[in-house]
Protein backbone atom coordinates (compact mmCIF):
# COMPACT_ATOMS: atom_id res chain seq x y z
CA UNK A 1 -24.44 -12.08 57.72
CA UNK A 2 -28.27 -10.45 56.63
CA UNK A 3 -28.09 -8.53 59.86
CA UNK A 4 -24.61 -7.27 58.94
CA UNK A 5 -25.82 -6.13 55.51
CA UNK A 6 -28.36 -4.11 57.17
CA UNK A 7 -26.44 -2.44 59.76
CA UNK A 8 -23.60 -1.61 56.50
CA UNK A 9 -27.04 -0.28 54.44
CA UNK A 10 -28.62 1.77 57.37
CA UNK A 11 -24.88 2.91 58.39
CA UNK A 12 -23.66 3.63 54.50
CA UNK A 13 -27.35 5.72 53.88
CA UNK A 14 -27.15 7.66 57.09
CA UNK A 15 -23.69 8.23 56.94
CA UNK A 16 -24.57 10.02 53.31
CA UNK A 17 -27.43 11.90 55.09
CA UNK A 18 -25.10 13.19 57.93
CA UNK A 19 -22.85 15.50 54.97
CA UNK A 20 -26.16 17.05 54.46
CA UNK A 21 -27.57 17.65 58.41
CA UNK A 22 -28.59 21.13 59.37
CA UNK A 23 -26.59 22.60 62.55
CA UNK A 24 -29.30 22.20 64.71
CA UNK A 25 -29.34 18.92 64.49
CA UNK A 26 -25.27 18.21 63.78
CA UNK A 27 -24.45 17.64 67.16
CA UNK A 28 -26.88 14.64 67.90
CA UNK A 29 -26.83 13.67 64.87
CA UNK A 30 -22.98 12.54 64.70
CA UNK A 31 -24.23 10.39 67.73
CA UNK A 32 -26.14 8.74 66.05
CA UNK A 33 -24.34 8.30 63.15
CA UNK A 34 -21.42 7.06 65.74
CA UNK A 35 -23.28 4.74 67.43
CA UNK A 36 -24.95 3.10 63.82
CA UNK A 37 -21.19 3.08 62.79
CA UNK A 38 -19.82 1.05 65.91
CA UNK A 39 -22.95 -1.76 65.72
CA UNK A 40 -21.86 -2.15 61.93
CA UNK A 41 -17.95 -2.76 63.00
CA UNK A 42 -18.80 -4.63 66.01
CA UNK A 43 -21.26 -7.54 63.84
CA UNK A 44 -18.66 -7.47 61.37
CA UNK A 45 -16.56 -8.94 64.88
CA UNK A 46 -19.09 -10.98 66.05
CA UNK A 47 -19.82 -13.01 62.80
CA UNK A 48 -15.62 -13.93 62.71
CA UNK A 49 -15.57 -15.00 66.07
CA UNK A 50 -18.55 -17.19 66.04
CA UNK A 51 -17.21 -18.58 63.11
CA UNK A 52 -13.94 -19.23 64.80
CA UNK A 53 -15.69 -20.60 67.96
CA UNK A 54 -17.05 -23.44 65.62
CA UNK A 55 -14.28 -24.01 63.73
CA UNK A 56 -12.28 -24.67 67.18
CA UNK A 57 -15.39 -26.94 68.79
CA UNK A 58 -16.17 -24.48 70.77
CA UNK A 59 -13.11 -25.21 73.24
CA UNK A 60 -13.37 -23.39 76.28
CA UNK A 61 -9.75 -21.41 75.93
CA UNK A 62 -11.35 -20.15 72.45
CA UNK A 63 -14.15 -19.10 73.95
CA UNK A 64 -12.40 -17.23 77.18
CA UNK A 65 -10.67 -15.31 74.10
CA UNK A 66 -13.27 -14.45 72.08
CA UNK A 67 -15.50 -13.24 75.61
CA UNK A 68 -11.63 -10.88 76.04
CA UNK A 69 -11.75 -9.80 72.95
CA UNK A 70 -15.55 -8.92 72.29
CA UNK A 71 -15.05 -6.57 75.84
CA UNK A 72 -11.97 -4.58 74.65
CA UNK A 73 -14.09 -3.98 71.23
CA UNK A 74 -16.97 -2.65 73.21
CA UNK A 75 -14.79 -0.69 75.50
CA UNK A 76 -12.92 0.99 72.47
CA UNK A 77 -16.21 1.46 70.84
CA UNK A 78 -17.88 3.50 74.30
CA UNK A 79 -14.97 5.86 74.81
CA UNK A 80 -14.80 6.67 70.89
CA UNK A 81 -18.69 7.45 70.95
CA UNK A 82 -17.85 9.53 73.78
CA UNK A 83 -15.03 11.42 72.83
CA UNK A 84 -15.96 11.80 69.32
CA UNK A 85 -18.46 13.82 67.88
CA UNK A 86 -20.12 16.68 65.73
CA UNK A 87 -19.53 20.34 65.44
CA UNK A 88 -20.70 23.28 63.76
CA UNK A 89 -18.07 25.53 62.28
CA UNK A 90 -18.75 28.03 59.44
CA UNK A 91 -22.55 26.77 59.25
CA UNK A 92 -20.80 23.47 58.15
CA UNK A 93 -21.41 20.02 60.03
CA UNK A 94 -18.06 18.84 60.84
CA UNK A 95 -17.13 15.74 62.39
CA UNK A 96 -13.94 14.93 64.86
CA UNK A 97 -12.48 12.31 65.06
CA UNK A 98 -10.38 11.57 68.42
CA UNK A 99 -7.18 10.09 67.04
CA UNK A 100 -6.58 7.83 70.62
CA UNK A 101 -10.33 6.10 70.66
CA UNK A 102 -9.70 5.83 66.45
CA UNK A 103 -6.13 3.79 67.13
CA UNK A 104 -8.36 1.60 69.43
CA UNK A 105 -10.95 0.65 67.97
CA UNK A 106 -9.33 -0.41 65.07
CA UNK A 107 -6.37 -1.75 66.63
CA UNK A 108 -9.32 -4.05 68.48
CA UNK A 109 -10.69 -4.94 65.29
CA UNK A 110 -7.26 -5.93 63.88
CA UNK A 111 -6.49 -8.01 67.08
CA UNK A 112 -9.79 -10.07 66.46
CA UNK A 113 -9.12 -10.71 62.86
CA UNK A 114 -5.61 -12.00 63.52
CA UNK A 115 -7.20 -14.01 66.62
CA UNK A 116 -9.68 -15.19 64.32
CA UNK A 117 -7.21 -16.33 61.28
CA UNK A 118 -4.43 -17.70 63.81
CA UNK A 119 -7.37 -19.82 65.31
CA UNK A 120 -8.33 -21.13 62.26
CA UNK A 121 -4.80 -22.15 61.19
CA UNK A 122 -3.99 -23.84 64.19
CA UNK A 123 -7.23 -26.12 64.24
CA UNK A 124 -7.14 -27.21 61.02
CA UNK A 125 -3.22 -27.62 61.35
CA UNK A 126 -3.70 -31.69 61.61
CA UNK A 127 -5.73 -32.20 58.28
CA UNK A 128 -3.48 -29.58 56.51
CA UNK A 129 -0.64 -31.27 56.24
CA UNK A 130 -0.44 -33.90 53.72
CA UNK A 131 -3.49 -32.70 51.91
CA UNK A 132 -3.76 -31.17 48.73
CA UNK A 133 -4.27 -27.17 47.72
CA UNK A 134 -7.81 -27.47 47.13
CA UNK A 135 -8.67 -29.58 50.01
CA UNK A 136 -11.58 -28.57 52.40
CA UNK A 137 -9.44 -27.69 54.92
CA UNK A 138 -6.93 -25.32 52.70
CA UNK A 139 -10.41 -23.90 51.51
CA UNK A 140 -10.86 -22.57 55.40
CA UNK A 141 -7.17 -21.34 55.12
CA UNK A 142 -7.39 -19.59 52.28
CA UNK A 143 -10.56 -18.02 53.25
CA UNK A 144 -9.22 -16.11 56.24
CA UNK A 145 -5.44 -15.76 54.99
CA UNK A 146 -7.58 -13.58 52.34
CA UNK A 147 -9.44 -11.81 54.39
CA UNK A 148 -6.83 -11.07 56.85
CA UNK A 149 -4.60 -9.41 54.39
CA UNK A 150 -7.68 -7.16 53.37
CA UNK A 151 -8.98 -6.09 56.57
CA UNK A 152 -5.34 -5.97 57.90
CA UNK A 153 -4.87 -3.51 55.16
CA UNK A 154 -7.64 -1.54 54.96
CA UNK A 155 -7.27 -1.05 59.14
CA UNK A 156 -3.47 0.25 58.68
CA UNK A 157 -4.99 2.59 55.97
CA UNK A 158 -7.96 3.83 58.54
CA UNK A 159 -5.36 3.46 61.40
CA UNK A 160 -3.00 6.35 59.54
CA UNK A 161 -6.10 8.54 58.82
CA UNK A 162 -7.13 7.98 62.71
CA UNK A 163 -3.69 9.45 63.35
CA UNK A 164 -2.57 12.02 60.94
CA UNK A 165 -5.29 13.59 58.57
CA UNK A 166 -7.91 15.49 59.26
CA UNK A 167 -9.34 16.93 55.87
CA UNK A 168 -13.03 16.24 55.89
CA UNK A 169 -13.59 15.18 52.32
CA UNK A 170 -10.37 12.22 52.93
CA UNK A 171 -11.87 11.18 56.11
CA UNK A 172 -15.84 10.59 54.32
CA UNK A 173 -13.61 9.14 51.66
CA UNK A 174 -11.65 6.40 54.24
CA UNK A 175 -15.03 5.49 55.66
CA UNK A 176 -16.37 4.61 52.44
CA UNK A 177 -13.27 2.71 51.85
CA UNK A 178 -13.66 0.86 54.97
CA UNK A 179 -17.10 0.17 54.45
CA UNK A 180 -17.05 -1.53 51.26
CA UNK A 181 -13.53 -3.46 52.69
CA UNK A 182 -15.92 -5.21 55.44
CA UNK A 183 -18.30 -5.35 52.87
CA UNK A 184 -16.88 -7.36 50.55
CA UNK A 185 -15.28 -9.90 52.80
CA UNK A 186 -18.85 -10.51 54.73
CA UNK A 187 -20.27 -11.17 51.73
CA UNK A 188 -17.22 -13.37 50.24
CA UNK A 189 -18.40 -15.76 52.32
CA UNK A 190 -21.38 -16.91 50.08
CA UNK A 191 -17.98 -17.65 47.38
CA UNK A 192 -16.68 -19.78 50.33
CA UNK A 193 -19.66 -21.80 51.08
CA UNK A 194 -20.13 -22.82 47.35
CA UNK A 195 -16.60 -24.01 47.41
CA UNK A 196 -16.80 -25.53 50.99
CA UNK A 197 -19.65 -27.71 49.90
CA UNK A 198 -18.17 -28.57 46.81
CA UNK A 199 -15.04 -30.20 48.68
CA UNK A 200 -16.80 -31.63 50.64
CA UNK A 201 -19.30 -33.58 48.12
CA UNK A 202 -15.84 -34.28 46.69
CA UNK A 203 -14.53 -35.65 50.01
CA UNK A 204 -17.91 -37.94 50.95
CA UNK A 205 -17.38 -39.20 47.49
CA UNK A 206 -13.35 -40.33 47.95
CA UNK A 207 -14.42 -41.64 51.36
CA UNK A 208 -17.24 -43.67 49.48
CA UNK A 209 -15.22 -44.75 46.90
CA UNK A 210 -12.57 -45.76 49.28
CA UNK A 211 -14.69 -48.02 50.87
CA UNK A 212 -15.81 -49.66 48.11
CA UNK A 213 -12.19 -50.47 47.14
CA UNK A 214 -11.39 -51.60 50.80
CA UNK A 215 -15.07 -54.19 50.59
CA UNK A 216 -14.63 -55.20 47.60
CA UNK A 217 -10.81 -56.40 48.51
CA UNK A 218 -11.74 -57.91 51.74
CA UNK A 219 -14.54 -59.81 49.84
CA UNK A 220 -11.88 -61.27 47.12
CA UNK A 221 -9.63 -61.76 50.10
CA UNK A 222 -12.87 -64.19 51.85
CA UNK A 223 -13.45 -65.36 48.49
CA UNK A 224 -9.44 -66.57 48.41
CA UNK A 225 -9.68 -68.14 51.46
CA UNK A 226 -12.49 -70.09 51.01
CA UNK A 227 -11.45 -72.07 48.57
CA UNK A 228 -8.36 -72.47 49.65
CA UNK A 229 -10.36 -73.99 52.53
CA UNK A 230 -12.11 -76.12 50.07
CA UNK A 231 -9.37 -77.53 48.36
CA UNK A 232 -8.07 -78.67 51.36
């Protein structure tokens, strides 16, 4: 999470600076900006996939799916770095986003998020059945569903922007919206960690209470049998 926040700050700061690049540094500066942005987005996917592998108990098939999703994401990142670029026009440094690679890497992010959400629901399904709304399992699923709603909405928005919008200012605003949404979703983990700890402690207390109740019942039954044996 700390590494993701570092790249978030680095990318946002550099992206703002890129608006004021001298035209002599425009092309190279745009390339560096794109590389940093892809690292930023891939770190988000890595965080989600790491959590998903842990949720599945490092299931072999989930690990294979994770590898395939990461490979797909790296390929689209590489293609976007090659195809999208900055250019100089009327002494202004502008950025060209290739619509195909923009569609590709945003779709790859959507696939990653959908995969993580489905795995979380499937591997918590047994625990969800009959569980209370605020149980540990439901907290995990609620976390993933809420994140998916936000990320899918933002990525659909970015798909539209990549395919149909050419205005540099609107493109700039769309990237800042995407970065903000990703940052919120990652840092919401702090809220969910606290919530999971509360549910975990509550579950431990409930189990201890249940164990104590069963112990008292067993002791009562044993004493009752002992008294009956003494009477006989």
